[in-house]
Amino acid sequence: MADPAYDEGMAVRRAVLGDAHVDRAIANTTELTAPFQDLITRYAWGAVWGRDGLDRRTRSCVTLAVLAALRCDEELAMHVRAALRNGLTADEIGEVLLHTAIYAGVPAANSALAIAQRVLAEGER
């Protein structure tokens, strides 16, 4: 049966993160993680990322800043790739993280910049 909320979320999730990432996440889904995968697909990707109020570039900037501030290193690497996919340049990513240093602290921004530099050097999206 078609589920428009889930389908919209999955379409946005794939557009932002890429098919390879989403396919890996789905393949690694277990009975324990299935409800979480459903939640993020419907709400994070559909209900929030799918809204018209901000474009995806802006959402990527906000996401990078928040993840850097919270020191969510694994998520940050994934969202550096997503930011590139959403049209941010390496310089713009650097500016977001530099700006974050003022409001979230130099150590958080320093870690985030190291992660971004590693991801950018990998050249993958």
PDB file of N, CA and C in Angstrom:
ATOM      1  N   MET A   1       0.838  -1.163   0.000  1.00  0.00           N
ATOM      2  CA  MET A   1       0.000   0.000   0.000  1.00  0.00           C
ATOM      3  C   MET A   1       0.896   1.243   0.000  1.00  0.00           C
ATOM      4  N   ALA A   2       0.554   2.218  -0.825  1.00  0.00           N
ATOM      5  CA  ALA A   2       1.330   3.453  -0.932  1.00  0.00           C
ATOM      6  C   ALA A   2       1.205   4.268   0.360  1.00  0.00           C
ATOM      7  N   ASP A   3       2.301   4.877   0.749  1.00  0.00           N
ATOM      8  CA  ASP A   3       2.336   5.704   1.949  1.00  0.00           C
ATOM      9  C   ASP A   3       2.983   7.033   1.568  1.00  0.00           C
ATOM     10  N   PRO A   4       2.175   8.052   1.246  1.00  0.00           N
ATOM     11  CA  PRO A   4       2.729   9.313   0.746  1.00  0.00           C
ATOM     12  C   PRO A   4       3.733   9.977   1.677  1.00  0.00           C
ATOM     13  N   ALA A   5       3.512   9.952   2.981  1.00  0.00           N
ATOM     14  CA  ALA A   5       4.445  10.591   3.924  1.00  0.00           C
ATOM     15  C   ALA A   5       5.802   9.897   3.898  1.00  0.00           C
ATOM     16  N   TYR A   6       5.786   8.582   3.894  1.00  0.00           N
ATOM     17  CA  TYR A   6       7.029   7.823   3.860  1.00  0.00           C
ATOM     18  C   TYR A   6       7.722   8.014   2.501  1.00  0.00           C
ATOM     19  N   ASP A   7       6.939   7.937   1.434  1.00  0.00           N
ATOM     20  CA  ASP A   7       7.509   8.062   0.083  1.00  0.00           C
ATOM     21  C   ASP A   7       8.153   9.429  -0.135  1.00  0.00           C
ATOM     22  N   GLU A   8       7.503  10.493   0.343  1.00  0.00           N
ATOM     23  CA  GLU A   8       8.076  11.836   0.226  1.00  0.00           C
ATOM     24  C   GLU A   8       9.373  11.922   1.023  1.00  0.00           C
ATOM     25  N   GLY A   9       9.359  11.409   2.239  1.00  0.00           N
ATOM     26  CA  GLY A   9      10.564  11.423   3.050  1.00  0.00           C
ATOM     27  C   GLY A   9      11.702  10.645   2.416  1.00  0.00           C
ATOM     28  N   MET A  10      11.388   9.505   1.838  1.00  0.00           N
ATOM     29  CA  MET A  10      12.425   8.690   1.192  1.00  0.00           C
ATOM     30  C   MET A  10      12.986   9.400  -0.035  1.00  0.00           C
ATOM     31  N   ALA A  11      12.143  10.074  -0.785  1.00  0.00           N
ATOM     32  CA  ALA A  11      12.622  10.808  -1.961  1.00  0.00           C
ATOM     33  C   ALA A  11      13.581  11.922  -1.553  1.00  0.00           C
ATOM     34  N   VAL A  12      13.240  12.671  -0.518  1.00  0.00           N
ATOM     35  CA  VAL A  12      14.115  13.745  -0.040  1.00  0.00           C
ATOM     36  C   VAL A  12      15.397  13.152   0.541  1.00  0.00           C
ATOM     37  N   ARG A  13      15.261  12.108   1.325  1.00  0.00           N
ATOM     38  CA  ARG A  13      16.427  11.454   1.932  1.00  0.00           C
ATOM     39  C   ARG A  13      17.411  10.997   0.863  1.00  0.00           C
ATOM     40  N   ARG A  14      16.899  10.386  -0.190  1.00  0.00           N
ATOM     41  CA  ARG A  14      17.769   9.923  -1.278  1.00  0.00           C
ATOM     42  C   ARG A  14      18.406  11.097  -2.021  1.00  0.00           C
ATOM     43  N   ALA A  15      17.643  12.164  -2.241  1.00  0.00           N
ATOM     44  CA  ALA A  15      18.173  13.331  -2.945  1.00  0.00           C
ATOM     45  C   ALA A  15      19.291  13.998  -2.153  1.00  0.00           C
ATOM     46  N   VAL A  16      19.141  14.061  -0.840  1.00  0.00           N
ATOM     47  CA  VAL A  16      20.122  14.755   0.003  1.00  0.00           C
ATOM     48  C   VAL A  16      21.323  13.871   0.323  1.00  0.00           C
ATOM     49  N   LEU A  17      21.080  12.626   0.683  1.00  0.00           N
ATOM     50  CA  LEU A  17      22.175  11.746   1.143  1.00  0.00           C
ATOM     51  C   LEU A  17      22.740  10.853   0.046  1.00  0.00           C
ATOM     52  N   GLY A  18      22.007  10.650  -1.015  1.00  0.00           N
ATOM     53  CA  GLY A  18      22.447   9.775  -2.095  1.00  0.00           C
ATOM     54  C   GLY A  18      21.933   8.364  -1.913  1.00  0.00           C
ATOM     55  N   ASP A  19      21.706   7.714  -3.038  1.00  0.00           N
ATOM     56  CA  ASP A  19      21.165   6.354  -3.014  1.00  0.00           C
ATOM     57  C   ASP A  19      22.066   5.369  -2.278  1.00  0.00           C
ATOM     58  N   ALA A  20      23.372   5.478  -2.476  1.00  0.00           N
ATOM     59  CA  ALA A  20      24.286   4.507  -1.857  1.00  0.00           C
ATOM     60  C   ALA A  20      24.180   4.550  -0.333  1.00  0.00           C
ATOM     61  N   HIS A  21      24.155   5.743   0.224  1.00  0.00           N
ATOM     62  CA  HIS A  21      24.051   5.860   1.681  1.00  0.00           C
ATOM     63  C   HIS A  21      22.722   5.296   2.176  1.00  0.00           C
ATOM     64  N   VAL A  22      21.634   5.692   1.530  1.00  0.00           N
ATOM     65  CA  VAL A  22      20.309   5.247   1.964  1.00  0.00           C
ATOM     66  C   VAL A  22      20.170   3.735   1.788  1.00  0.00           C
ATOM     67  N   ASP A  23      20.678   3.209   0.692  1.00  0.00           N
ATOM     68  CA  ASP A  23      20.616   1.754   0.479  1.00  0.00           C
ATOM     69  C   ASP A  23      21.373   1.006   1.571  1.00  0.00           C
ATOM     70  N   ARG A  24      22.533   1.535   1.995  1.00  0.00           N
ATOM     71  CA  ARG A  24      23.288   0.907   3.090  1.00  0.00           C
ATOM     72  C   ARG A  24      22.489   0.951   4.385  1.00  0.00           C
ATOM     73  N   ALA A  25      21.879   2.093   4.666  1.00  0.00           N
ATOM     74  CA  ALA A  25      21.098   2.227   5.899  1.00  0.00           C
ATOM     75  C   ALA A  25      19.924   1.247   5.902  1.00  0.00           C
ATOM     76  N   ILE A  26      19.261   1.118   4.774  1.00  0.00           N
ATOM     77  CA  ILE A  26      18.124   0.194   4.682  1.00  0.00           C
ATOM     78  C   ILE A  26      18.602  -1.251   4.807  1.00  0.00           C
ATOM     79  N   ALA A  27      19.708  -1.569   4.171  1.00  0.00           N
ATOM     80  CA  ALA A  27      20.243  -2.931   4.237  1.00  0.00           C
ATOM     81  C   ALA A  27      20.659  -3.309   5.657  1.00  0.00           C
ATOM     82  N   ASN A  28      21.085  -2.329   6.429  1.00  0.00           N
ATOM     83  CA  ASN A  28      21.535  -2.580   7.799  1.00  0.00           C
ATOM     84  C   ASN A  28      20.427  -2.459   8.833  1.00  0.00           C
ATOM     85  N   THR A  29      19.212  -2.223   8.380  1.00  0.00           N
ATOM     86  CA  THR A  29      18.086  -2.088   9.305  1.00  0.00           C
ATOM     87  C   THR A  29      17.775  -3.430   9.949  1.00  0.00           C
ATOM     88  N   THR A  30      17.570  -3.385  11.250  1.00  0.00           N
ATOM     89  CA  THR A  30      17.226  -4.582  12.012  1.00  0.00           C
ATOM     90  C   THR A  30      15.850  -4.373  12.647  1.00  0.00           C
ATOM     91  N   GLU A  31      15.387  -5.386  13.321  1.00  0.00           N
ATOM     92  CA  GLU A  31      14.123  -5.261  14.042  1.00  0.00           C
ATOM     93  C   GLU A  31      14.199  -4.123  15.064  1.00  0.00           C
ATOM     94  N   LEU A  32      15.366  -3.975  15.680  1.00  0.00           N
ATOM     95  CA  LEU A  32      15.568  -2.918  16.669  1.00  0.00           C
ATOM     96  C   LEU A  32      15.540  -1.529  16.027  1.00  0.00           C
ATOM     97  N   THR A  33      16.182  -1.374  14.866  1.00  0.00           N
ATOM     98  CA  THR A  33      16.339  -0.048  14.259  1.00  0.00           C
ATOM     99  C   THR A  33      15.246   0.319  13.259  1.00  0.00           C
ATOM    100  N   ALA A  34      14.398  -0.610  12.895  1.00  0.00           N
ATOM    101  CA  ALA A  34      13.349  -0.337  11.905  1.00  0.00           C
ATOM    102  C   ALA A  34      12.439   0.831  12.311  1.00  0.00           C
ATOM    103  N   PRO A  35      11.973   0.890  13.557  1.00  0.00           N
ATOM    104  CA  PRO A  35      11.132   2.037  13.921  1.00  0.00           C
ATOM    105  C   PRO A  35      11.874   3.378  13.801  1.00  0.00           C
ATOM    106  N   PHE A  36      13.165   3.391  14.116  1.00  0.00           N
ATOM    107  CA  PHE A  36      13.953   4.615  13.992  1.00  0.00           C
ATOM    108  C   PHE A  36      14.095   5.016  12.526  1.00  0.00           C
ATOM    109  N   GLN A  37      14.380   4.052  11.659  1.00  0.00           N
ATOM    110  CA  GLN A  37      14.491   4.340  10.228  1.00  0.00           C
ATOM    111  C   GLN A  37      13.182   4.920   9.685  1.00  0.00           C
ATOM    112  N   ASP A  38      12.064   4.360  10.127  1.00  0.00           N
ATOM    113  CA  ASP A  38      10.761   4.864   9.715  1.00  0.00           C
ATOM    114  C   ASP A  38      10.567   6.297  10.226  1.00  0.00           C
ATOM    115  N   LEU A  39      10.921   6.544  11.478  1.00  0.00           N
ATOM    116  CA  LEU A  39      10.777   7.861  12.084  1.00  0.00           C
ATOM    117  C   LEU A  39      11.570   8.921  11.326  1.00  0.00           C
ATOM    118  N   ILE A  40      12.853   8.660  11.071  1.00  0.00           N
ATOM    119  CA  ILE A  40      13.658   9.680  10.403  1.00  0.00           C
ATOM    120  C   ILE A  40      13.228   9.883   8.960  1.00  0.00           C
ATOM    121  N   THR A  41      12.785   8.814   8.307  1.00  0.00           N
ATOM    122  CA  THR A  41      12.336   8.964   6.928  1.00  0.00           C
ATOM    123  C   THR A  41      11.095   9.842   6.860  1.00  0.00           C
ATOM    124  N   ARG A  42      10.121   9.567   7.718  1.00  0.00           N
ATOM    125  CA  ARG A  42       8.869  10.336   7.703  1.00  0.00           C
ATOM    126  C   ARG A  42       9.046  11.765   8.197  1.00  0.00           C
ATOM    127  N   TYR A  43       9.722  11.909   9.329  1.00  0.00           N
ATOM    128  CA  TYR A  43       9.717  13.200  10.005  1.00  0.00           C
ATOM    129  C   TYR A  43      10.943  14.054   9.715  1.00  0.00           C
ATOM    130  N   ALA A  44      12.144  13.504   9.858  1.00  0.00           N
ATOM    131  CA  ALA A  44      13.326  14.319   9.572  1.00  0.00           C
ATOM    132  C   ALA A  44      13.361  14.669   8.081  1.00  0.00           C
ATOM    133  N   TRP A  45      13.204  13.648   7.237  1.00  0.00           N
ATOM    134  CA  TRP A  45      13.357  13.873   5.798  1.00  0.00           C
ATOM    135  C   TRP A  45      12.083  14.345   5.127  1.00  0.00           C
ATOM    136  N   GLY A  46      10.938  13.852   5.522  1.00  0.00           N
ATOM    137  CA  GLY A  46       9.688  14.269   4.898  1.00  0.00           C
ATOM    138  C   GLY A  46       9.119  15.535   5.501  1.00  0.00           C
ATOM    139  N   ALA A  47       8.814  15.498   6.789  1.00  0.00           N
ATOM    140  CA  ALA A  47       8.111  16.597   7.439  1.00  0.00           C
ATOM    141  C   ALA A  47       8.986  17.829   7.654  1.00  0.00           C
ATOM    142  N   VAL A  48      10.323  17.665   7.800  1.00  0.00           N
ATOM    143  CA  VAL A  48      11.178  18.826   8.039  1.00  0.00           C
ATOM    144  C   VAL A  48      11.985  19.185   6.791  1.00  0.00           C
ATOM    145  N   TRP A  49      12.858  18.290   6.322  1.00  0.00           N
ATOM    146  CA  TRP A  49      13.664  18.603   5.143  1.00  0.00           C
ATOM    147  C   TRP A  49      12.779  18.835   3.915  1.00  0.00           C
ATOM    148  N   GLY A  50      11.591  18.260   3.893  1.00  0.00           N
ATOM    149  CA  GLY A  50      10.690  18.410   2.744  1.00  0.00           C
ATOM    150  C   GLY A  50       9.868  19.690   2.747  1.00  0.00           C
ATOM    151  N   ARG A  51       9.986  20.491   3.787  1.00  0.00           N
ATOM    152  CA  ARG A  51       9.221  21.747   3.864  1.00  0.00           C
ATOM    153  C   ARG A  51       9.762  22.776   2.867  1.00  0.00           C
ATOM    154  N   ASP A  52       8.898  23.719   2.517  1.00  0.00           N
ATOM    155  CA  ASP A  52       9.272  24.773   1.569  1.00  0.00           C
ATOM    156  C   ASP A  52       9.956  25.973   2.223  1.00  0.00           C
ATOM    157  N   GLY A  53       9.930  26.109   3.536  1.00  0.00           N
ATOM    158  CA  GLY A  53      10.396  27.315   4.212  1.00  0.00           C
ATOM    159  C   GLY A  53      11.862  27.661   4.035  1.00  0.00           C
ATOM    160  N   LEU A  54      12.718  26.670   3.865  1.00  0.00           N
ATOM    161  CA  LEU A  54      14.145  26.871   3.611  1.00  0.00           C
ATOM    162  C   LEU A  54      14.547  25.983   2.444  1.00  0.00           C
ATOM    163  N   ASP A  55      15.474  26.474   1.635  1.00  0.00           N
ATOM    164  CA  ASP A  55      15.981  25.605   0.567  1.00  0.00           C
ATOM    165  C   ASP A  55      16.984  24.610   1.160  1.00  0.00           C
ATOM    166  N   ARG A  56      17.358  23.629   0.379  1.00  0.00           N
ATOM    167  CA  ARG A  56      18.247  22.569   0.890  1.00  0.00           C
ATOM    168  C   ARG A  56      19.640  23.080   1.218  1.00  0.00           C
ATOM    169  N   ARG A  57      20.140  24.060   0.487  1.00  0.00           N
ATOM    170  CA  ARG A  57      21.454  24.644   0.814  1.00  0.00           C
ATOM    171  C   ARG A  57      21.421  25.232   2.225  1.00  0.00           C
ATOM    172  N   THR A  58      20.369  25.985   2.512  1.00  0.00           N
ATOM    173  CA  THR A  58      20.247  26.612   3.830  1.00  0.00           C
ATOM    174  C   THR A  58      20.082  25.551   4.904  1.00  0.00           C
ATOM    175  N   ARG A  59      19.264  24.549   4.642  1.00  0.00           N
ATOM    176  CA  ARG A  59      19.095  23.460   5.609  1.00  0.00           C
ATOM    177  C   ARG A  59      20.438  22.772   5.870  1.00  0.00           C
ATOM    178  N   SER A  60      21.244  22.608   4.837  1.00  0.00           N
ATOM    179  CA  SER A  60      22.571  22.005   5.033  1.00  0.00           C
ATOM    180  C   SER A  60      23.445  22.888   5.914  1.00  0.00           C
ATOM    181  N   CYS A  61      23.415  24.190   5.715  1.00  0.00           N
ATOM    182  CA  CYS A  61      24.211  25.098   6.557  1.00  0.00           C
ATOM    183  C   CYS A  61      23.802  24.972   8.020  1.00  0.00           C
ATOM    184  N   VAL A  62      22.501  25.005   8.267  1.00  0.00           N
ATOM    185  CA  VAL A  62      22.000  24.889   9.639  1.00  0.00           C
ATOM    186  C   VAL A  62      22.409  23.550  10.233  1.00  0.00           C
ATOM    187  N   THR A  63      22.247  22.496   9.464  1.00  0.00           N
ATOM    188  CA  THR A  63      22.563  21.150   9.945  1.00  0.00           C
ATOM    189  C   THR A  63      24.042  21.025  10.283  1.00  0.00           C
ATOM    190  N   LEU A  64      24.912  21.526   9.417  1.00  0.00           N
ATOM    191  CA  LEU A  64      26.347  21.470   9.697  1.00  0.00           C
ATOM    192  C   LEU A  64      26.677  22.209  10.991  1.00  0.00           C
ATOM    193  N   ALA A  65      26.116  23.388  11.171  1.00  0.00           N
ATOM    194  CA  ALA A  65      26.407  24.174  12.372  1.00  0.00           C
ATOM    195  C   ALA A  65      25.937  23.458  13.639  1.00  0.00           C
ATOM    196  N   VAL A  66      24.732  22.915  13.598  1.00  0.00           N
ATOM    197  CA  VAL A  66      24.202  22.234  14.784  1.00  0.00           C
ATOM    198  C   VAL A  66      24.991  20.963  15.082  1.00  0.00           C
ATOM    199  N   LEU A  67      25.284  20.184  14.063  1.00  0.00           N
ATOM    200  CA  LEU A  67      26.042  18.952  14.289  1.00  0.00           C
ATOM    201  C   LEU A  67      27.444  19.247  14.813  1.00  0.00           C
ATOM    202  N   ALA A  68      28.060  20.306  14.296  1.00  0.00           N
ATOM    203  CA  ALA A  68      29.383  20.694  14.800  1.00  0.00           C
ATOM    204  C   ALA A  68      29.280  21.098  16.268  1.00  0.00           C
ATOM    205  N   ALA A  69      28.282  21.897  16.594  1.00  0.00           N
ATOM    206  CA  ALA A  69      28.113  22.365  17.966  1.00  0.00           C
ATOM    207  C   ALA A  69      27.880  21.214  18.932  1.00  0.00           C
ATOM    208  N   LEU A  70      27.143  20.214  18.474  1.00  0.00           N
ATOM    209  CA  LEU A  70      26.823  19.065  19.331  1.00  0.00           C
ATOM    210  C   LEU A  70      27.901  17.981  19.298  1.00  0.00           C
ATOM    211  N   ARG A  71      28.930  18.190  18.458  1.00  0.00           N
ATOM    212  CA  ARG A  71      30.039  17.231  18.322  1.00  0.00           C
ATOM    213  C   ARG A  71      29.557  15.865  17.838  1.00  0.00           C
ATOM    214  N   CYS A  72      28.639  15.884  16.895  1.00  0.00           N
ATOM    215  CA  CYS A  72      28.094  14.656  16.299  1.00  0.00           C
ATOM    216  C   CYS A  72      28.936  14.300  15.076  1.00  0.00           C
ATOM    217  N   ASP A  73      30.127  13.763  15.332  1.00  0.00           N
ATOM    218  CA  ASP A  73      31.124  13.578  14.285  1.00  0.00           C
ATOM    219  C   ASP A  73      30.677  12.674  13.140  1.00  0.00           C
ATOM    220  N   GLU A  74      30.066  11.544  13.441  1.00  0.00           N
ATOM    221  CA  GLU A  74      29.644  10.634  12.373  1.00  0.00           C
ATOM    222  C   GLU A  74      28.561  11.273  11.507  1.00  0.00           C
ATOM    223  N   GLU A  75      27.613  11.918  12.138  1.00  0.00           N
ATOM    224  CA  GLU A  75      26.560  12.600  11.391  1.00  0.00           C
ATOM    225  C   GLU A  75      27.136  13.771  10.601  1.00  0.00           C
ATOM    226  N   LEU A  76      28.120  14.448  11.164  1.00  0.00           N
ATOM    227  CA  LEU A  76      28.714  15.597  10.487  1.00  0.00           C
ATOM    228  C   LEU A  76      29.358  15.181   9.169  1.00  0.00           C
ATOM    229  N   ALA A  77      30.114  14.098   9.180  1.00  0.00           N
ATOM    230  CA  ALA A  77      30.749  13.631   7.943  1.00  0.00           C
ATOM    231  C   ALA A  77      29.690  13.353   6.866  1.00  0.00           C
ATOM    232  N   MET A  78      28.615  12.689   7.252  1.00  0.00           N
ATOM    233  CA  MET A  78      27.534  12.388   6.313  1.00  0.00           C
ATOM    234  C   MET A  78      26.940  13.679   5.758  1.00  0.00           C
ATOM    235  N   HIS A  79      26.780  14.689   6.619  1.00  0.00           N
ATOM    236  CA  HIS A  79      26.141  15.930   6.176  1.00  0.00           C
ATOM    237  C   HIS A  79      27.089  16.865   5.446  1.00  0.00           C
ATOM    238  N   VAL A  80      28.393  16.695   5.581  1.00  0.00           N
ATOM    239  CA  VAL A  80      29.327  17.416   4.704  1.00  0.00           C
ATOM    240  C   VAL A  80      29.108  16.909   3.281  1.00  0.00           C
ATOM    241  N   ARG A  81      28.990  15.612   3.120  1.00  0.00           N
ATOM    242  CA  ARG A  81      28.706  15.046   1.791  1.00  0.00           C
ATOM    243  C   ARG A  81      27.369  15.556   1.266  1.00  0.00           C
ATOM    244  N   ALA A  82      26.374  15.590   2.136  1.00  0.00           N
ATOM    245  CA  ALA A  82      25.050  16.073   1.738  1.00  0.00           C
ATOM    246  C   ALA A  82      25.105  17.546   1.339  1.00  0.00           C
ATOM    247  N   ALA A  83      25.884  18.341   2.082  1.00  0.00           N
ATOM    248  CA  ALA A  83      26.002  19.765   1.759  1.00  0.00           C
ATOM    249  C   ALA A  83      26.584  19.957   0.361  1.00  0.00           C
ATOM    250  N   LEU A  84      27.572  19.160   0.023  1.00  0.00           N
ATOM    251  CA  LEU A  84      28.125  19.223  -1.332  1.00  0.00           C
ATOM    252  C   LEU A  84      27.062  18.873  -2.360  1.00  0.00           C
ATOM    253  N   ARG A  85      26.296  17.837  -2.078  1.00  0.00           N
ATOM    254  CA  ARG A  85      25.218  17.415  -2.969  1.00  0.00           C
ATOM    255  C   ARG A  85      24.160  18.508  -3.094  1.00  0.00           C
ATOM    256  N   ASN A  86      23.973  19.289  -2.018  1.00  0.00           N
ATOM    257  CA  ASN A  86      22.991  20.373  -2.025  1.00  0.00           C
ATOM    258  C   ASN A  86      23.549  21.675  -2.584  1.00  0.00           C
ATOM    259  N   GLY A  87      24.765  21.636  -3.111  1.00  0.00           N
ATOM    260  CA  GLY A  87      25.311  22.782  -3.827  1.00  0.00           C
ATOM    261  C   GLY A  87      26.266  23.670  -3.070  1.00  0.00           C
ATOM    262  N   LEU A  88      26.578  23.346  -1.811  1.00  0.00           N
ATOM    263  CA  LEU A  88      27.565  24.146  -1.095  1.00  0.00           C
ATOM    264  C   LEU A  88      28.953  23.827  -1.630  1.00  0.00           C
ATOM    265  N   THR A  89      29.811  24.823  -1.634  1.00  0.00           N
ATOM    266  CA  THR A  89      31.200  24.607  -2.013  1.00  0.00           C
ATOM    267  C   THR A  89      32.011  24.280  -0.764  1.00  0.00           C
ATOM    268  N   ALA A  90      33.217  23.809  -0.981  1.00  0.00           N
ATOM    269  CA  ALA A  90      34.109  23.551   0.154  1.00  0.00           C
ATOM    270  C   ALA A  90      34.350  24.841   0.937  1.00  0.00           C
ATOM    271  N   ASP A  91      34.500  25.961   0.236  1.00  0.00           N
ATOM    272  CA  ASP A  91      34.711  27.246   0.911  1.00  0.00           C
ATOM    273  C   ASP A  91      33.500  27.630   1.764  1.00  0.00           C
ATOM    274  N   GLU A  92      32.299  27.394   1.259  1.00  0.00           N
ATOM    275  CA  GLU A  92      31.096  27.719   2.030  1.00  0.00           C
ATOM    276  C   GLU A  92      30.969  26.834   3.267  1.00  0.00           C
ATOM    277  N   ILE A  93      31.319  25.562   3.126  1.00  0.00           N
ATOM    278  CA  ILE A  93      31.319  24.667   4.287  1.00  0.00           C
ATOM    279  C   ILE A  93      32.300  25.183   5.328  1.00  0.00           C
ATOM    280  N   GLY A  94      33.477  25.595   4.883  1.00  0.00           N
ATOM    281  CA  GLY A  94      34.459  26.173   5.790  1.00  0.00           C
ATOM    282  C   GLY A  94      33.940  27.419   6.489  1.00  0.00           C
ATOM    283  N   GLU A  95      33.221  28.269   5.764  1.00  0.00           N
ATOM    284  CA  GLU A  95      32.647  29.478   6.359  1.00  0.00           C
ATOM    285  C   GLU A  95      31.601  29.143   7.418  1.00  0.00           C
ATOM    286  N   VAL A  96      30.763  28.155   7.133  1.00  0.00           N
ATOM    287  CA  VAL A  96      29.764  27.734   8.122  1.00  0.00           C
ATOM    288  C   VAL A  96      30.457  27.277   9.397  1.00  0.00           C
ATOM    289  N   LEU A  97      31.506  26.483   9.253  1.00  0.00           N
ATOM    290  CA  LEU A  97      32.192  25.945  10.429  1.00  0.00           C
ATOM    291  C   LEU A  97      33.007  27.021  11.138  1.00  0.00           C
ATOM    292  N   LEU A  98      33.557  27.979  10.412  1.00  0.00           N
ATOM    293  CA  LEU A  98      34.245  29.108  11.036  1.00  0.00           C
ATOM    294  C   LEU A  98      33.248  29.937  11.849  1.00  0.00           C
ATOM    295  N   HIS A  99      32.098  30.193  11.275  1.00  0.00           N
ATOM    296  CA  HIS A  99      31.038  30.930  11.971  1.00  0.00           C
ATOM    297  C   HIS A  99      30.610  30.179  13.232  1.00  0.00           C
ATOM    298  N   THR A 100      30.553  28.874  13.137  1.00  0.00           N
ATOM    299  CA  THR A 100      30.165  28.037  14.266  1.00  0.00           C
ATOM    300  C   THR A 100      31.151  28.171  15.425  1.00  0.00           C
ATOM    301  N   ALA A 101      32.423  28.403  15.104  1.00  0.00           N
ATOM    302  CA  ALA A 101      33.434  28.542  16.162  1.00  0.00           C
ATOM    303  C   ALA A 101      33.082  29.660  17.136  1.00  0.00           C
ATOM    304  N   ILE A 102      32.510  30.739  16.630  1.00  0.00           N
ATOM    305  CA  ILE A 102      32.180  31.878  17.485  1.00  0.00           C
ATOM    306  C   ILE A 102      31.041  31.546  18.439  1.00  0.00           C
ATOM    307  N   TYR A 103      30.064  30.785  17.981  1.00  0.00           N
ATOM    308  CA  TYR A 103      28.862  30.530  18.773  1.00  0.00           C
ATOM    309  C   TYR A 103      28.874  29.194  19.505  1.00  0.00           C
ATOM    310  N   ALA A 104      29.655  28.233  19.030  1.00  0.00           N
ATOM    311  CA  ALA A 104      29.671  26.902  19.654  1.00  0.00           C
ATOM    312  C   ALA A 104      31.018  26.548  20.259  1.00  0.00           C
ATOM    313  N   GLY A 105      32.029  27.346  19.972  1.00  0.00           N
ATOM    314  CA  GLY A 105      33.342  27.108  20.553  1.00  0.00           C
ATOM    315  C   GLY A 105      34.371  26.637  19.547  1.00  0.00           C
ATOM    316  N   VAL A 106      35.581  27.069  19.792  1.00  0.00           N
ATOM    317  CA  VAL A 106      36.699  26.722  18.910  1.00  0.00           C
ATOM    318  C   VAL A 106      36.970  25.221  18.878  1.00  0.00           C
ATOM    319  N   PRO A 107      36.967  24.515  20.010  1.00  0.00           N
ATOM    320  CA  PRO A 107      37.230  23.070  19.922  1.00  0.00           C
ATOM    321  C   PRO A 107      36.208  22.318  19.048  1.00  0.00           C
ATOM    322  N   ALA A 108      34.935  22.679  19.156  1.00  0.00           N
ATOM    323  CA  ALA A 108      33.915  22.023  18.333  1.00  0.00           C
ATOM    324  C   ALA A 108      34.152  22.308  16.853  1.00  0.00           C
ATOM    325  N   ALA A 109      34.446  23.555  16.526  1.00  0.00           N
ATOM    326  CA  ALA A 109      34.697  23.920  15.138  1.00  0.00           C
ATOM    327  C   ALA A 109      35.984  23.281  14.625  1.00  0.00           C
ATOM    328  N   ASN A 110      36.998  23.208  15.465  1.00  0.00           N
ATOM    329  CA  ASN A 110      38.256  22.582  15.068  1.00  0.00           C
ATOM    330  C   ASN A 110      38.039  21.119  14.692  1.00  0.00           C
ATOM    331  N   SER A 111      37.291  20.398  15.518  1.00  0.00           N
ATOM    332  CA  SER A 111      36.974  18.995  15.200  1.00  0.00           C
ATOM    333  C   SER A 111      36.165  18.895  13.921  1.00  0.00           C
ATOM    334  N   ALA A 112      35.179  19.781  13.776  1.00  0.00           N
ATOM    335  CA  ALA A 112      34.327  19.759  12.586  1.00  0.00           C
ATOM    336  C   ALA A 112      35.120  20.062  11.323  1.00  0.00           C
ATOM    337  N   LEU A 113      36.036  21.013  11.403  1.00  0.00           N
ATOM    338  CA  LEU A 113      36.870  21.328  10.243  1.00  0.00           C
ATOM    339  C   LEU A 113      37.758  20.154   9.861  1.00  0.00           C
ATOM    340  N   ALA A 114      38.279  19.438  10.844  1.00  0.00           N
ATOM    341  CA  ALA A 114      39.101  18.258  10.548  1.00  0.00           C
ATOM    342  C   ALA A 114      38.271  17.196   9.836  1.00  0.00           C
ATOM    343  N   ILE A 115      37.046  17.004  10.293  1.00  0.00           N
ATOM    344  CA  ILE A 115      36.157  16.030   9.650  1.00  0.00           C
ATOM    345  C   ILE A 115      35.828  16.481   8.239  1.00  0.00           C
ATOM    346  N   ALA A 116      35.480  17.746   8.079  1.00  0.00           N
ATOM    347  CA  ALA A 116      35.152  18.262   6.745  1.00  0.00           C
ATOM    348  C   ALA A 116      36.344  18.127   5.810  1.00  0.00           C
ATOM    349  N   GLN A 117      37.532  18.452   6.303  1.00  0.00           N
ATOM    350  CA  GLN A 117      38.725  18.344   5.461  1.00  0.00           C
ATOM    351  C   GLN A 117      38.945  16.910   5.011  1.00  0.00           C
ATOM    352  N   ARG A 118      38.736  15.954   5.918  1.00  0.00           N
ATOM    353  CA  ARG A 118      38.892  14.536   5.564  1.00  0.00           C
ATOM    354  C   ARG A 118      37.879  14.130   4.507  1.00  0.00           C
ATOM    355  N   VAL A 119      36.626  14.517   4.692  1.00  0.00           N
ATOM    356  CA  VAL A 119      35.570  14.172   3.737  1.00  0.00           C
ATOM    357  C   VAL A 119      35.843  14.811   2.380  1.00  0.00           C
ATOM    358  N   LEU A 120      36.219  16.071   2.393  1.00  0.00           N
ATOM    359  CA  LEU A 120      36.498  16.763   1.131  1.00  0.00           C
ATOM    360  C   LEU A 120      37.686  16.144   0.412  1.00  0.00           C
ATOM    361  N   ALA A 121      38.678  15.687   1.147  1.00  0.00           N
ATOM    362  CA  ALA A 121      39.832  15.020   0.536  1.00  0.00           C
ATOM    363  C   ALA A 121      39.458  13.688  -0.086  1.00  0.00           C
ATOM    364  N   GLU A 122      38.461  13.020   0.508  1.00  0.00           N
ATOM    365  CA  GLU A 122      37.994  11.754  -0.052  1.00  0.00           C
ATOM    366  C   GLU A 122      37.320  11.956  -1.406  1.00  0.00           C
ATOM    367  N   GLY A 123      36.738  13.128  -1.588  1.00  0.00           N
ATOM    368  CA  GLY A 123      36.116  13.452  -2.864  1.00  0.00           C
ATOM    369  C   GLY A 123      34.844  12.689  -3.160  1.00  0.00           C
ATOM    370  N   GLU A 124      34.238  12.072  -2.148  1.00  0.00           N
ATOM    371  CA  GLU A 124      33.024  11.323  -2.401  1.00  0.00           C
ATOM    372  C   GLU A 124      31.807  12.131  -2.010  1.00  0.00           C
ATOM    373  N   ARG A 125      30.693  11.791  -2.641  1.00  0.00           N
ATOM    374  CA  ARG A 125      29.422  12.443  -2.327  1.00  0.00           C
ATOM    375  C   ARG A 125      28.451  11.364  -2.081  1.00  0.00           C
TER     376      ARG A 125
END
